[in-house]
Each structure stands twice: as C-alpha cells, then as structure tokens.
C-alpha cells in the first residue's frame, strides 16, 4: 500500500489491472514474477492521487506506458505535471510509448536494466 492513496484510488487501480492495454499486458509479461534481474514490479500501483502503470519499490521507479493521446499538447502538460509531482516524492519516472513496448521490447527492457544498474 502507498500512504495517502484513498480507497477510491485503490479501487480504480484494481479496475485498471483488469482492463490493461495491450502494451501494458506485453510489458507485464516481461516484468512479472521478478523476471527482470530479480526486481519486483507492481502494476497499476497507487501513488497518492495517481496510479502508476508499473512501480518498483527497490528502485523507487515508476514506469509509464503512453498511448497516442499522450502526444496532444494538453496531455503532455498534464504528464509533465504528474511526473514532477511523482518525482517530488523521491521517485523516478521513465516513460515509453505503446509502440516502443510492442515493437522494441528488448530495448525497453535494456533501458530499465540500465536504470537499475545505475540506481541500485
């Protein structure tokens, strides 16, 4: 559990886990059960008022998978604000697009491994 997350946020996280995007499911298959260098990741993890697509407590790492609508100017500003708020809590945010996850998964996993190597 994450301190400060409301019951509503936890409920929404559970719903998101049941309705994951294709890219989220694809990345989850590579991260689940400590498959990536023994690191434990959680999916749709509550963080105060936000829900992270993926979270690794050991690394204090949030991974966000962005769909096409994240390319709009308005959403980019919201994402920037969200990232700033999350990083203010002492966490680091890495973002990937759906296309990166679906078409370049080995490269995505390498970037996560590199972050882990530099931050563990």
PDB file of N, CA and C in Angstrom:
ATOM      1  N   UNK A   1       0.830  -1.192   0.000  1.00  0.00           N
ATOM      2  CA  UNK A   1       0.000   0.000   0.000  1.00  0.00           C
ATOM      3  C   UNK A   1       0.872   1.252   0.000  1.00  0.00           C
ATOM      4  N   UNK A   2       0.342   2.308  -0.512  1.00  0.00           N
ATOM      5  CA  UNK A   2       1.045   3.575  -0.551  1.00  0.00           C
ATOM      6  C   UNK A   2       0.313   4.557   0.334  1.00  0.00           C
ATOM      7  N   UNK A   3       1.021   5.156   1.256  1.00  0.00           N
ATOM      8  CA  UNK A   3       0.369   6.091   2.161  1.00  0.00           C
ATOM      9  C   UNK A   3      -0.209   7.264   1.381  1.00  0.00           C
ATOM     10  N   UNK A   4      -1.371   7.691   1.795  1.00  0.00           N
ATOM     11  CA  UNK A   4      -2.013   8.825   1.160  1.00  0.00           C
ATOM     12  C   UNK A   4      -2.937   8.464   0.016  1.00  0.00           C
ATOM     13  N   UNK A   5      -2.940   7.227  -0.430  1.00  0.00           N
ATOM     14  CA  UNK A   5      -3.841   6.821  -1.510  1.00  0.00           C
ATOM     15  C   UNK A   5      -5.197   6.469  -0.911  1.00  0.00           C
ATOM     16  N   UNK A   6      -6.240   7.024  -1.492  1.00  0.00           N
ATOM     17  CA  UNK A   6      -7.590   6.797  -0.987  1.00  0.00           C
ATOM     18  C   UNK A   6      -8.115   5.430  -1.420  1.00  0.00           C
ATOM     19  N   UNK A   7      -9.196   5.016  -0.784  1.00  0.00           N
ATOM     20  CA  UNK A   7      -9.853   3.758  -1.156  1.00  0.00           C
ATOM     21  C   UNK A   7     -10.304   3.818  -2.612  1.00  0.00           C
ATOM     22  N   UNK A   8     -10.720   4.997  -3.069  1.00  0.00           N
ATOM     23  CA  UNK A   8     -11.157   5.160  -4.458  1.00  0.00           C
ATOM     24  C   UNK A   8      -9.997   4.912  -5.419  1.00  0.00           C
ATOM     25  N   UNK A   9      -8.812   5.412  -5.080  1.00  0.00           N
ATOM     26  CA  UNK A   9      -7.631   5.197  -5.928  1.00  0.00           C
ATOM     27  C   UNK A   9      -7.304   3.705  -5.994  1.00  0.00           C
ATOM     28  N   UNK A  10      -7.362   3.016  -4.850  1.00  0.00           N
ATOM     29  CA  UNK A  10      -7.094   1.575  -4.836  1.00  0.00           C
ATOM     30  C   UNK A  10      -8.118   0.819  -5.678  1.00  0.00           C
ATOM     31  N   UNK A  11      -9.378   1.225  -5.590  1.00  0.00           N
ATOM     32  CA  UNK A  11     -10.430   0.588  -6.384  1.00  0.00           C
ATOM     33  C   UNK A  11     -10.190   0.821  -7.872  1.00  0.00           C
ATOM     34  N   UNK A  12      -9.832   2.048  -8.233  1.00  0.00           N
ATOM     35  CA  UNK A  12      -9.534   2.350  -9.639  1.00  0.00           C
ATOM     36  C   UNK A  12      -8.332   1.555 -10.138  1.00  0.00           C
ATOM     37  N   UNK A  13      -7.326   1.388  -9.295  1.00  0.00           N
ATOM     38  CA  UNK A  13      -6.143   0.611  -9.681  1.00  0.00           C
ATOM     39  C   UNK A  13      -6.526  -0.830  -9.990  1.00  0.00           C
ATOM     40  N   UNK A  14      -7.392  -1.389  -9.161  1.00  0.00           N
ATOM     41  CA  UNK A  14      -7.838  -2.764  -9.389  1.00  0.00           C
ATOM     42  C   UNK A  14      -8.577  -2.872 -10.723  1.00  0.00           C
ATOM     43  N   UNK A  15      -9.421  -1.903 -11.035  1.00  0.00           N
ATOM     44  CA  UNK A  15     -10.147  -1.907 -12.313  1.00  0.00           C
ATOM     45  C   UNK A  15      -9.179  -1.792 -13.488  1.00  0.00           C
ATOM     46  N   UNK A  16      -8.169  -0.941 -13.339  1.00  0.00           N
ATOM     47  CA  UNK A  16      -7.182  -0.789 -14.410  1.00  0.00           C
ATOM     48  C   UNK A  16      -6.396  -2.077 -14.643  1.00  0.00           C
ATOM     49  N   UNK A  17      -6.104  -2.813 -13.572  1.00  0.00           N
ATOM     50  CA  UNK A  17      -5.401  -4.095 -13.740  1.00  0.00           C
ATOM     51  C   UNK A  17      -6.241  -5.073 -14.555  1.00  0.00           C
ATOM     52  N   UNK A  18      -7.552  -5.009 -14.391  1.00  0.00           N
ATOM     53  CA  UNK A  18      -8.437  -5.922 -15.124  1.00  0.00           C
ATOM     54  C   UNK A  18      -8.665  -5.469 -16.562  1.00  0.00           C
ATOM     55  N   UNK A  19      -8.318  -4.220 -16.880  1.00  0.00           N
ATOM     56  CA  UNK A  19      -8.552  -3.669 -18.216  1.00  0.00           C
ATOM     57  C   UNK A  19      -7.277  -3.062 -18.796  1.00  0.00           C
ATOM     58  N   UNK A  20      -6.191  -3.777 -18.690  1.00  0.00           N
ATOM     59  CA  UNK A  20      -4.895  -3.272 -19.155  1.00  0.00           C
ATOM     60  C   UNK A  20      -4.870  -3.139 -20.674  1.00  0.00           C
ATOM     61  N   UNK A  21      -4.061  -2.200 -21.143  1.00  0.00           N
ATOM     62  CA  UNK A  21      -3.869  -2.056 -22.583  1.00  0.00           C
ATOM     63  C   UNK A  21      -2.982  -3.200 -23.086  1.00  0.00           C
ATOM     64  N   UNK A  22      -2.945  -3.358 -24.387  1.00  0.00           N
ATOM     65  CA  UNK A  22      -2.106  -4.405 -24.975  1.00  0.00           C
ATOM     66  C   UNK A  22      -0.636  -4.197 -24.598  1.00  0.00           C
ATOM     67  N   UNK A  23      -0.177  -2.960 -24.662  1.00  0.00           N
ATOM     68  CA  UNK A  23       1.225  -2.674 -24.329  1.00  0.00           C
ATOM     69  C   UNK A  23       1.509  -2.960 -22.855  1.00  0.00           C
ATOM     70  N   UNK A  24       0.579  -2.605 -21.970  1.00  0.00           N
ATOM     71  CA  UNK A  24       0.760  -2.886 -20.542  1.00  0.00           C
ATOM     72  C   UNK A  24       0.840  -4.385 -20.286  1.00  0.00           C
ATOM     73  N   UNK A  25      -0.033  -5.146 -20.929  1.00  0.00           N
ATOM     74  CA  UNK A  25      -0.008  -6.611 -20.772  1.00  0.00           C
ATOM     75  C   UNK A  25       1.309  -7.182 -21.284  1.00  0.00           C
ATOM     76  N   UNK A  26       1.765  -6.676 -22.406  1.00  0.00           N
ATOM     77  CA  UNK A  26       3.001  -7.159 -23.022  1.00  0.00           C
ATOM     78  C   UNK A  26       4.197  -6.917 -22.102  1.00  0.00           C
ATOM     79  N   UNK A  27       4.293  -5.704 -21.551  1.00  0.00           N
ATOM     80  CA  UNK A  27       5.397  -5.401 -20.644  1.00  0.00           C
ATOM     81  C   UNK A  27       5.254  -6.186 -19.347  1.00  0.00           C
ATOM     82  N   UNK A  28       4.036  -6.340 -18.866  1.00  0.00           N
ATOM     83  CA  UNK A  28       3.817  -7.082 -17.618  1.00  0.00           C
ATOM     84  C   UNK A  28       4.311  -8.519 -17.745  1.00  0.00           C
ATOM     85  N   UNK A  29       4.120  -9.129 -18.896  1.00  0.00           N
ATOM     86  CA  UNK A  29       4.601 -10.499 -19.097  1.00  0.00           C
ATOM     87  C   UNK A  29       6.119 -10.587 -18.940  1.00  0.00           C
ATOM     88  N   UNK A  30       6.818  -9.499 -19.238  1.00  0.00           N
ATOM     89  CA  UNK A  30       8.284  -9.486 -19.112  1.00  0.00           C
ATOM     90  C   UNK A  30       8.753  -9.094 -17.711  1.00  0.00           C
ATOM     91  N   UNK A  31       7.901  -8.399 -16.950  1.00  0.00           N
ATOM     92  CA  UNK A  31       8.306  -7.905 -15.633  1.00  0.00           C
ATOM     93  C   UNK A  31       7.814  -8.763 -14.471  1.00  0.00           C
ATOM     94  N   UNK A  32       6.712  -9.438 -14.656  1.00  0.00           N
ATOM     95  CA  UNK A  32       6.073 -10.139 -13.535  1.00  0.00           C
ATOM     96  C   UNK A  32       6.958 -11.248 -12.975  1.00  0.00           C
ATOM     97  N   UNK A  33       6.681 -11.596 -11.755  1.00  0.00           N
ATOM     98  CA  UNK A  33       7.379 -12.684 -11.054  1.00  0.00           C
ATOM     99  C   UNK A  33       8.897 -12.492 -11.028  1.00  0.00           C
ATOM    100  N   UNK A  34       9.332 -11.257 -10.868  1.00  0.00           N
ATOM    101  CA  UNK A  34      10.759 -10.931 -10.697  1.00  0.00           C
ATOM    102  C   UNK A  34      11.638 -11.395 -11.861  1.00  0.00           C
ATOM    103  N   UNK A  35      11.075 -11.432 -13.066  1.00  0.00           N
ATOM    104  CA  UNK A  35      11.827 -11.931 -14.223  1.00  0.00           C
ATOM    105  C   UNK A  35      12.960 -11.009 -14.669  1.00  0.00           C
ATOM    106  N   UNK A  36      12.838  -9.732 -14.389  1.00  0.00           N
ATOM    107  CA  UNK A  36      13.845  -8.782 -14.856  1.00  0.00           C
ATOM    108  C   UNK A  36      14.869  -8.561 -13.749  1.00  0.00           C
ATOM    109  N   UNK A  37      15.954  -9.292 -13.823  1.00  0.00           N
ATOM    110  CA  UNK A  37      17.055  -9.170 -12.859  1.00  0.00           C
ATOM    111  C   UNK A  37      16.600  -9.305 -11.407  1.00  0.00           C
ATOM    112  N   UNK A  38      15.560 -10.095 -11.173  1.00  0.00           N
ATOM    113  CA  UNK A  38      15.083 -10.335  -9.814  1.00  0.00           C
ATOM    114  C   UNK A  38      14.327  -9.174  -9.189  1.00  0.00           C
ATOM    115  N   UNK A  39      14.004  -8.156  -9.976  1.00  0.00           N
ATOM    116  CA  UNK A  39      13.307  -6.981  -9.451  1.00  0.00           C
ATOM    117  C   UNK A  39      11.804  -7.224  -9.378  1.00  0.00           C
ATOM    118  N   UNK A  40      11.202  -6.778  -8.294  1.00  0.00           N
ATOM    119  CA  UNK A  40       9.757  -6.927  -8.121  1.00  0.00           C
ATOM    120  C   UNK A  40       9.059  -5.664  -8.611  1.00  0.00           C
ATOM    121  N   UNK A  41       8.168  -5.850  -9.565  1.00  0.00           N
ATOM    122  CA  UNK A  41       7.357  -4.754 -10.086  1.00  0.00           C
ATOM    123  C   UNK A  41       5.899  -4.993  -9.726  1.00  0.00           C
ATOM    124  N   UNK A  42       5.206  -3.917  -9.486  1.00  0.00           N
ATOM    125  CA  UNK A  42       3.758  -3.952  -9.282  1.00  0.00           C
ATOM    126  C   UNK A  42       3.134  -3.215 -10.460  1.00  0.00           C
ATOM    127  N   UNK A  43       1.955  -3.657 -10.868  1.00  0.00           N
ATOM    128  CA  UNK A  43       1.278  -2.951 -11.955  1.00  0.00           C
ATOM    129  C   UNK A  43       0.073  -2.207 -11.408  1.00  0.00           C
ATOM    130  N   UNK A  44      -0.233  -1.098 -12.048  1.00  0.00           N
ATOM    131  CA  UNK A  44      -1.323  -0.217 -11.629  1.00  0.00           C
ATOM    132  C   UNK A  44      -1.247   0.016 -10.121  1.00  0.00           C
ATOM    133  N   UNK A  45      -0.132   0.582  -9.712  1.00  0.00           N
ATOM    134  CA  UNK A  45       0.164   0.770  -8.289  1.00  0.00           C
ATOM    135  C   UNK A  45      -0.218   2.181  -7.834  1.00  0.00           C
ATOM    136  N   UNK A  46      -1.063   2.288  -6.789  1.00  0.00           N
ATOM    137  CA  UNK A  46      -1.459   3.605  -6.273  1.00  0.00           C
ATOM    138  C   UNK A  46      -0.269   4.377  -5.704  1.00  0.00           C
ATOM    139  N   UNK A  47      -0.200   5.649  -6.078  1.00  0.00           N
ATOM    140  CA  UNK A  47       0.812   6.576  -5.559  1.00  0.00           C
ATOM    141  C   UNK A  47       0.089   7.871  -5.213  1.00  0.00           C
ATOM    142  N   UNK A  48      -0.363   7.992  -4.009  1.00  0.00           N
ATOM    143  CA  UNK A  48      -1.084   9.181  -3.563  1.00  0.00           C
ATOM    144  C   UNK A  48      -2.336   9.370  -4.422  1.00  0.00           C
ATOM    145  N   UNK A  49      -2.378  10.396  -5.264  1.00  0.00           N
ATOM    146  CA  UNK A  49      -3.564  10.634  -6.095  1.00  0.00           C
ATOM    147  C   UNK A  49      -3.419  10.033  -7.492  1.00  0.00           C
ATOM    148  N   UNK A  50      -2.282   9.436  -7.784  1.00  0.00           N
ATOM    149  CA  UNK A  50      -2.022   8.856  -9.100  1.00  0.00           C
ATOM    150  C   UNK A  50      -1.975   7.334  -9.022  1.00  0.00           C
ATOM    151  N   UNK A  51      -2.045   6.719 -10.204  1.00  0.00           N
ATOM    152  CA  UNK A  51      -1.857   5.273 -10.322  1.00  0.00           C
ATOM    153  C   UNK A  51      -0.759   5.064 -11.360  1.00  0.00           C
ATOM    154  N   UNK A  52       0.343   4.477 -10.927  1.00  0.00           N
ATOM    155  CA  UNK A  52       1.469   4.217 -11.829  1.00  0.00           C
ATOM    156  C   UNK A  52       1.196   2.956 -12.631  1.00  0.00           C
ATOM    157  N   UNK A  53       1.531   2.970 -13.913  1.00  0.00           N
ATOM    158  CA  UNK A  53       1.375   1.754 -14.717  1.00  0.00           C
ATOM    159  C   UNK A  53       2.194   0.625 -14.100  1.00  0.00           C
ATOM    160  N   UNK A  54       3.457   0.915 -13.765  1.00  0.00           N
ATOM    161  CA  UNK A  54       4.330  -0.070 -13.112  1.00  0.00           C
ATOM    162  C   UNK A  54       5.169   0.646 -12.066  1.00  0.00           C
ATOM    163  N   UNK A  55       5.484  -0.074 -10.988  1.00  0.00           N
ATOM    164  CA  UNK A  55       6.274   0.520  -9.906  1.00  0.00           C
ATOM    165  C   UNK A  55       7.199  -0.527  -9.314  1.00  0.00           C
ATOM    166  N   UNK A  56       8.463  -0.145  -9.127  1.00  0.00           N
ATOM    167  CA  UNK A  56       9.449  -0.984  -8.454  1.00  0.00           C
ATOM    168  C   UNK A  56       9.909  -0.241  -7.203  1.00  0.00           C
ATOM    169  N   UNK A  57       9.538  -0.766  -6.036  1.00  0.00           N
ATOM    170  CA  UNK A  57       9.865  -0.106  -4.773  1.00  0.00           C
ATOM    171  C   UNK A  57      11.376  -0.052  -4.534  1.00  0.00           C
ATOM    172  N   UNK A  58      12.064  -1.137  -4.831  1.00  0.00           N
ATOM    173  CA  UNK A  58      13.512  -1.191  -4.595  1.00  0.00           C
ATOM    174  C   UNK A  58      14.241  -0.070  -5.324  1.00  0.00           C
ATOM    175  N   UNK A  59      13.818   0.200  -6.554  1.00  0.00           N
ATOM    176  CA  UNK A  59      14.459   1.239  -7.362  1.00  0.00           C
ATOM    177  C   UNK A  59      13.793   2.600  -7.220  1.00  0.00           C
ATOM    178  N   UNK A  60      12.637   2.634  -6.545  1.00  0.00           N
ATOM    179  CA  UNK A  60      11.835   3.871  -6.468  1.00  0.00           C
ATOM    180  C   UNK A  60      11.542   4.363  -7.892  1.00  0.00           C
ATOM    181  N   UNK A  61      11.158   3.405  -8.743  1.00  0.00           N
ATOM    182  CA  UNK A  61      10.971   3.659 -10.171  1.00  0.00           C
ATOM    183  C   UNK A  61       9.520   3.476 -10.591  1.00  0.00           C
ATOM    184  N   UNK A  62       9.007   4.482 -11.287  1.00  0.00           N
ATOM    185  CA  UNK A  62       7.684   4.433 -11.903  1.00  0.00           C
ATOM    186  C   UNK A  62       7.896   4.314 -13.408  1.00  0.00           C
ATOM    187  N   UNK A  63       7.202   3.364 -14.025  1.00  0.00           N
ATOM    188  CA  UNK A  63       7.244   3.218 -15.480  1.00  0.00           C
ATOM    189  C   UNK A  63       5.855   3.526 -16.009  1.00  0.00           C
ATOM    190  N   UNK A  64       5.787   4.474 -16.933  1.00  0.00           N
ATOM    191  CA  UNK A  64       4.525   4.859 -17.551  1.00  0.00           C
ATOM    192  C   UNK A  64       4.548   4.454 -19.021  1.00  0.00           C
ATOM    193  N   UNK A  65       3.446   3.878 -19.474  1.00  0.00           N
ATOM    194  CA  UNK A  65       3.288   3.488 -20.873  1.00  0.00           C
ATOM    195  C   UNK A  65       2.261   4.433 -21.482  1.00  0.00           C
ATOM    196  N   UNK A  66       2.690   5.214 -22.470  1.00  0.00           N
ATOM    197  CA  UNK A  66       1.851   6.265 -23.026  1.00  0.00           C
ATOM    198  C   UNK A  66       1.255   5.881 -24.368  1.00  0.00           C
ATOM    199  N   UNK A  67      -0.066   5.991 -24.452  1.00  0.00           N
ATOM    200  CA  UNK A  67      -0.780   5.786 -25.705  1.00  0.00           C
ATOM    201  C   UNK A  67      -0.723   7.040 -26.562  1.00  0.00           C
ATOM    202  N   UNK A  68      -1.362   6.985 -27.714  1.00  0.00           N
ATOM    203  CA  UNK A  68      -1.318   8.084 -28.670  1.00  0.00           C
ATOM    204  C   UNK A  68      -1.819   9.410 -28.138  1.00  0.00           C
ATOM    205  N   UNK A  69      -2.818   9.386 -27.267  1.00  0.00           N
ATOM    206  CA  UNK A  69      -3.374  10.646 -26.768  1.00  0.00           C
ATOM    207  C   UNK A  69      -2.374  11.424 -25.915  1.00  0.00           C
ATOM    208  N   UNK A  70      -1.312  10.773 -25.485  1.00  0.00           N
ATOM    209  CA  UNK A  70      -0.286  11.465 -24.702  1.00  0.00           C
ATOM    210  C   UNK A  70       0.531  12.426 -25.572  1.00  0.00           C
ATOM    211  N   UNK A  71       0.336  12.382 -26.882  1.00  0.00           N
ATOM    212  CA  UNK A  71       1.062  13.273 -27.788  1.00  0.00           C
ATOM    213  C   UNK A  71       0.368  14.618 -27.960  1.00  0.00           C
ATOM    214  N   UNK A  72      -0.839  14.773 -27.418  1.00  0.00           N
ATOM    215  CA  UNK A  72      -1.516  16.065 -27.505  1.00  0.00           C
ATOM    216  C   UNK A  72      -0.852  17.049 -26.551  1.00  0.00           C
ATOM    217  N   UNK A  73      -0.872  18.317 -26.915  1.00  0.00           N
ATOM    218  CA  UNK A  73      -0.226  19.351 -26.107  1.00  0.00           C
ATOM    219  C   UNK A  73      -0.793  19.363 -24.688  1.00  0.00           C
ATOM    220  N   UNK A  74      -2.108  19.282 -24.573  1.00  0.00           N
ATOM    221  CA  UNK A  74      -2.753  19.310 -23.256  1.00  0.00           C
ATOM    222  C   UNK A  74      -2.305  18.136 -22.391  1.00  0.00           C
ATOM    223  N   UNK A  75      -2.301  16.937 -22.975  1.00  0.00           N
ATOM    224  CA  UNK A  75      -1.909  15.754 -22.204  1.00  0.00           C
ATOM    225  C   UNK A  75      -0.425  15.783 -21.857  1.00  0.00           C
ATOM    226  N   UNK A  76       0.385  16.323 -22.745  1.00  0.00           N
ATOM    227  CA  UNK A  76       1.818  16.423 -22.450  1.00  0.00           C
ATOM    228  C   UNK A  76       2.059  17.324 -21.232  1.00  0.00           C
ATOM    229  N   UNK A  77       1.297  18.405 -21.119  1.00  0.00           N
ATOM    230  CA  UNK A  77       1.410  19.284 -19.952  1.00  0.00           C
ATOM    231  C   UNK A  77       0.958  18.567 -18.681  1.00  0.00           C
ATOM    232  N   UNK A  78      -0.137  17.812 -18.785  1.00  0.00           N
ATOM    233  CA  UNK A  78      -0.617  17.047 -17.626  1.00  0.00           C
ATOM    234  C   UNK A  78       0.400  15.981 -17.215  1.00  0.00           C
ATOM    235  N   UNK A  79       0.989  15.306 -18.200  1.00  0.00           N
ATOM    236  CA  UNK A  79       2.002  14.283 -17.908  1.00  0.00           C
ATOM    237  C   UNK A  79       3.231  14.902 -17.243  1.00  0.00           C
ATOM    238  N   UNK A  80       3.615  16.087 -17.705  1.00  0.00           N
ATOM    239  CA  UNK A  80       4.763  16.773 -17.116  1.00  0.00           C
ATOM    240  C   UNK A  80       4.480  17.130 -15.648  1.00  0.00           C
ATOM    241  N   UNK A  81       3.275  17.612 -15.391  1.00  0.00           N
ATOM    242  CA  UNK A  81       2.883  17.944 -14.013  1.00  0.00           C
ATOM    243  C   UNK A  81       2.868  16.690 -13.138  1.00  0.00           C
ATOM    244  N   UNK A  82       2.327  15.611 -13.688  1.00  0.00           N
ATOM    245  CA  UNK A  82       2.261  14.337 -12.963  1.00  0.00           C
ATOM    246  C   UNK A  82       3.676  13.843 -12.628  1.00  0.00           C
ATOM    247  N   UNK A  83       4.565  13.890 -13.615  1.00  0.00           N
ATOM    248  CA  UNK A  83       5.947  13.449 -13.408  1.00  0.00           C
ATOM    249  C   UNK A  83       6.627  14.289 -12.332  1.00  0.00           C
ATOM    250  N   UNK A  84       6.443  15.592 -12.392  1.00  0.00           N
ATOM    251  CA  UNK A  84       7.039  16.484 -11.391  1.00  0.00           C
ATOM    252  C   UNK A  84       6.544  16.140  -9.993  1.00  0.00           C
ATOM    253  N   UNK A  85       5.241  15.920  -9.864  1.00  0.00           N
ATOM    254  CA  UNK A  85       4.653  15.586  -8.560  1.00  0.00           C
ATOM    255  C   UNK A  85       5.198  14.264  -8.039  1.00  0.00           C
ATOM    256  N   UNK A  86       5.287  13.271  -8.907  1.00  0.00           N
ATOM    257  CA  UNK A  86       5.791  11.953  -8.501  1.00  0.00           C
ATOM    258  C   UNK A  86       7.269  12.049  -8.121  1.00  0.00           C
ATOM    259  N   UNK A  87       8.049  12.757  -8.923  1.00  0.00           N
ATOM    260  CA  UNK A  87       9.480  12.879  -8.632  1.00  0.00           C
ATOM    261  C   UNK A  87       9.731  13.685  -7.359  1.00  0.00           C
ATOM    262  N   UNK A  88       8.831  14.596  -7.023  1.00  0.00           N
ATOM    263  CA  UNK A  88       8.948  15.351  -5.777  1.00  0.00           C
ATOM    264  C   UNK A  88       8.850  14.416  -4.563  1.00  0.00           C
ATOM    265  N   UNK A  89       8.206  13.260  -4.748  1.00  0.00           N
ATOM    266  CA  UNK A  89       8.074  12.266  -3.681  1.00  0.00           C
ATOM    267  C   UNK A  89       9.303  11.355  -3.597  1.00  0.00           C
ATOM    268  N   UNK A  90      10.344  11.672  -4.363  1.00  0.00           N
ATOM    269  CA  UNK A  90      11.575  10.895  -4.312  1.00  0.00           C
ATOM    270  C   UNK A  90      11.611   9.716  -5.261  1.00  0.00           C
ATOM    271  N   UNK A  91      10.700   9.683  -6.218  1.00  0.00           N
ATOM    272  CA  UNK A  91      10.641   8.599  -7.193  1.00  0.00           C
ATOM    273  C   UNK A  91      11.159   9.102  -8.533  1.00  0.00           C
ATOM    274  N   UNK A  92      11.513   8.169  -9.400  1.00  0.00           N
ATOM    275  CA  UNK A  92      11.956   8.486 -10.756  1.00  0.00           C
ATOM    276  C   UNK A  92      10.931   7.925 -11.729  1.00  0.00           C
ATOM    277  N   UNK A  93      10.663   8.663 -12.802  1.00  0.00           N
ATOM    278  CA  UNK A  93       9.680   8.242 -13.803  1.00  0.00           C
ATOM    279  C   UNK A  93      10.380   8.020 -15.137  1.00  0.00           C
ATOM    280  N   UNK A  94      10.114   6.864 -15.738  1.00  0.00           N
ATOM    281  CA  UNK A  94      10.556   6.569 -17.102  1.00  0.00           C
ATOM    282  C   UNK A  94       9.291   6.357 -17.929  1.00  0.00           C
ATOM    283  N   UNK A  95       9.255   6.971 -19.105  1.00  0.00           N
ATOM    284  CA  UNK A  95       8.090   6.835 -19.987  1.00  0.00           C
ATOM    285  C   UNK A  95       8.489   6.126 -21.281  1.00  0.00           C
ATOM    286  N   UNK A  96       7.589   5.249 -21.713  1.00  0.00           N
ATOM    287  CA  UNK A  96       7.721   4.590 -23.005  1.00  0.00           C
ATOM    288  C   UNK A  96       6.389   4.731 -23.728  1.00  0.00           C
ATOM    289  N   UNK A  97       6.428   4.717 -25.045  1.00  0.00           N
ATOM    290  CA  UNK A  97       5.185   4.721 -25.810  1.00  0.00           C
ATOM    291  C   UNK A  97       4.694   3.284 -25.976  1.00  0.00           C
ATOM    292  N   UNK A  98       3.421   3.159 -26.318  1.00  0.00           N
ATOM    293  CA  UNK A  98       2.878   1.832 -26.625  1.00  0.00           C
ATOM    294  C   UNK A  98       3.712   1.168 -27.713  1.00  0.00           C
ATOM    295  N   UNK A  99       4.063   1.946 -28.739  1.00  0.00           N
ATOM    296  CA  UNK A  99       4.810   1.398 -29.869  1.00  0.00           C
ATOM    297  C   UNK A  99       6.181   0.884 -29.440  1.00  0.00           C
ATOM    298  N   UNK A 100       6.855   1.612 -28.565  1.00  0.00           N
ATOM    299  CA  UNK A 100       8.160   1.148 -28.082  1.00  0.00           C
ATOM    300  C   UNK A 100       8.024  -0.202 -27.389  1.00  0.00           C
ATOM    301  N   UNK A 101       7.013  -0.329 -26.545  1.00  0.00           N
ATOM    302  CA  UNK A 101       6.822  -1.584 -25.810  1.00  0.00           C
ATOM    303  C   UNK A 101       6.468  -2.718 -26.760  1.00  0.00           C
ATOM    304  N   UNK A 102       5.557  -2.462 -27.677  1.00  0.00           N
ATOM    305  CA  UNK A 102       5.081  -3.526 -28.562  1.00  0.00           C
ATOM    306  C   UNK A 102       6.087  -3.901 -29.650  1.00  0.00           C
ATOM    307  N   UNK A 103       6.876  -2.938 -30.124  1.00  0.00           N
ATOM    308  CA  UNK A 103       7.767  -3.198 -31.254  1.00  0.00           C
ATOM    309  C   UNK A 103       9.243  -3.300 -30.882  1.00  0.00           C
ATOM    310  N   UNK A 104       9.608  -2.785 -29.715  1.00  0.00           N
ATOM    311  CA  UNK A 104      11.020  -2.761 -29.319  1.00  0.00           C
ATOM    312  C   UNK A 104      11.188  -3.176 -27.862  1.00  0.00           C
ATOM    313  N   UNK A 105      10.517  -4.238 -27.465  1.00  0.00           N
ATOM    314  CA  UNK A 105      10.554  -4.656 -26.061  1.00  0.00           C
ATOM    315  C   UNK A 105      11.974  -4.906 -25.552  1.00  0.00           C
ATOM    316  N   UNK A 106      12.848  -5.570 -26.305  1.00  0.00           N
ATOM    317  CA  UNK A 106      14.207  -5.778 -25.778  1.00  0.00           C
ATOM    318  C   UNK A 106      14.913  -4.465 -25.420  1.00  0.00           C
ATOM    319  N   UNK A 107      14.721  -3.431 -26.252  1.00  0.00           N
ATOM    320  CA  UNK A 107      15.331  -2.131 -25.968  1.00  0.00           C
ATOM    321  C   UNK A 107      14.718  -1.497 -24.722  1.00  0.00           C
ATOM    322  N   UNK A 108      13.406  -1.625 -24.563  1.00  0.00           N
ATOM    323  CA  UNK A 108      12.720  -1.110 -23.372  1.00  0.00           C
ATOM    324  C   UNK A 108      13.278  -1.786 -22.125  1.00  0.00           C
ATOM    325  N   UNK A 109      13.396  -3.101 -22.169  1.00  0.00           N
ATOM    326  CA  UNK A 109      13.920  -3.842 -21.017  1.00  0.00           C
ATOM    327  C   UNK A 109      15.373  -3.466 -20.735  1.00  0.00           C
ATOM    328  N   UNK A 110      16.151  -3.236 -21.793  1.00  0.00           N
ATOM    329  CA  UNK A 110      17.545  -2.800 -21.600  1.00  0.00           C
ATOM    330  C   UNK A 110      17.610  -1.450 -20.887  1.00  0.00           C
ATOM    331  N   UNK A 111      16.706  -0.530 -21.243  1.00  0.00           N
ATOM    332  CA  UNK A 111      16.685   0.781 -20.583  1.00  0.00           C
ATOM    333  C   UNK A 111      16.331   0.639 -19.105  1.00  0.00           C
ATOM    334  N   UNK A 112      15.404  -0.246 -18.797  1.00  0.00           N
ATOM    335  CA  UNK A 112      15.034  -0.474 -17.396  1.00  0.00           C
ATOM    336  C   UNK A 112      16.207  -1.104 -16.646  1.00  0.00           C
ATOM    337  N   UNK A 113      16.862  -2.076 -17.277  1.00  0.00           N
ATOM    338  CA  UNK A 113      18.035  -2.712 -16.651  1.00  0.00           C
ATOM    339  C   UNK A 113      19.154  -1.700 -16.417  1.00  0.00           C
ATOM    340  N   UNK A 114      19.370  -0.825 -17.377  1.00  0.00           N
ATOM    341  CA  UNK A 114      20.411   0.201 -17.235  1.00  0.00           C
ATOM    342  C   UNK A 114      20.084   1.133 -16.070  1.00  0.00           C
ATOM    343  N   UNK A 115      18.809   1.517 -15.957  1.00  0.00           N
ATOM    344  CA  UNK A 115      18.405   2.351 -14.820  1.00  0.00           C
ATOM    345  C   UNK A 115      18.685   1.612 -13.515  1.00  0.00           C
ATOM    346  N   UNK A 116      18.330   0.333 -13.472  1.00  0.00           N
ATOM    347  CA  UNK A 116      18.542  -0.465 -12.257  1.00  0.00           C
ATOM    348  C   UNK A 116      20.026  -0.540 -11.907  1.00  0.00           C
ATOM    349  N   UNK A 117      20.843  -0.741 -12.918  1.00  0.00           N
ATOM    350  CA  UNK A 117      22.292  -0.846 -12.706  1.00  0.00           C
ATOM    351  C   UNK A 117      22.859   0.453 -12.126  1.00  0.00           C
ATOM    352  N   UNK A 118      22.367   1.577 -12.612  1.00  0.00           N
ATOM    353  CA  UNK A 118      22.869   2.877 -12.170  1.00  0.00           C
ATOM    354  C   UNK A 118      22.284   3.331 -10.835  1.00  0.00           C
ATOM    355  N   UNK A 119      21.168   2.716 -10.425  1.00  0.00           N
ATOM    356  CA  UNK A 119      20.454   3.212  -9.248  1.00  0.00           C
ATOM    357  C   UNK A 119      20.241   2.188  -8.145  1.00  0.00           C
ATOM    358  N   UNK A 120      20.959   1.080  -8.177  1.00  0.00           N
ATOM    359  CA  UNK A 120      20.767   0.103  -7.090  1.00  0.00           C
ATOM    360  C   UNK A 120      21.990  -0.001  -6.213  1.00  0.00           C
TER     361      UNK A 120
END
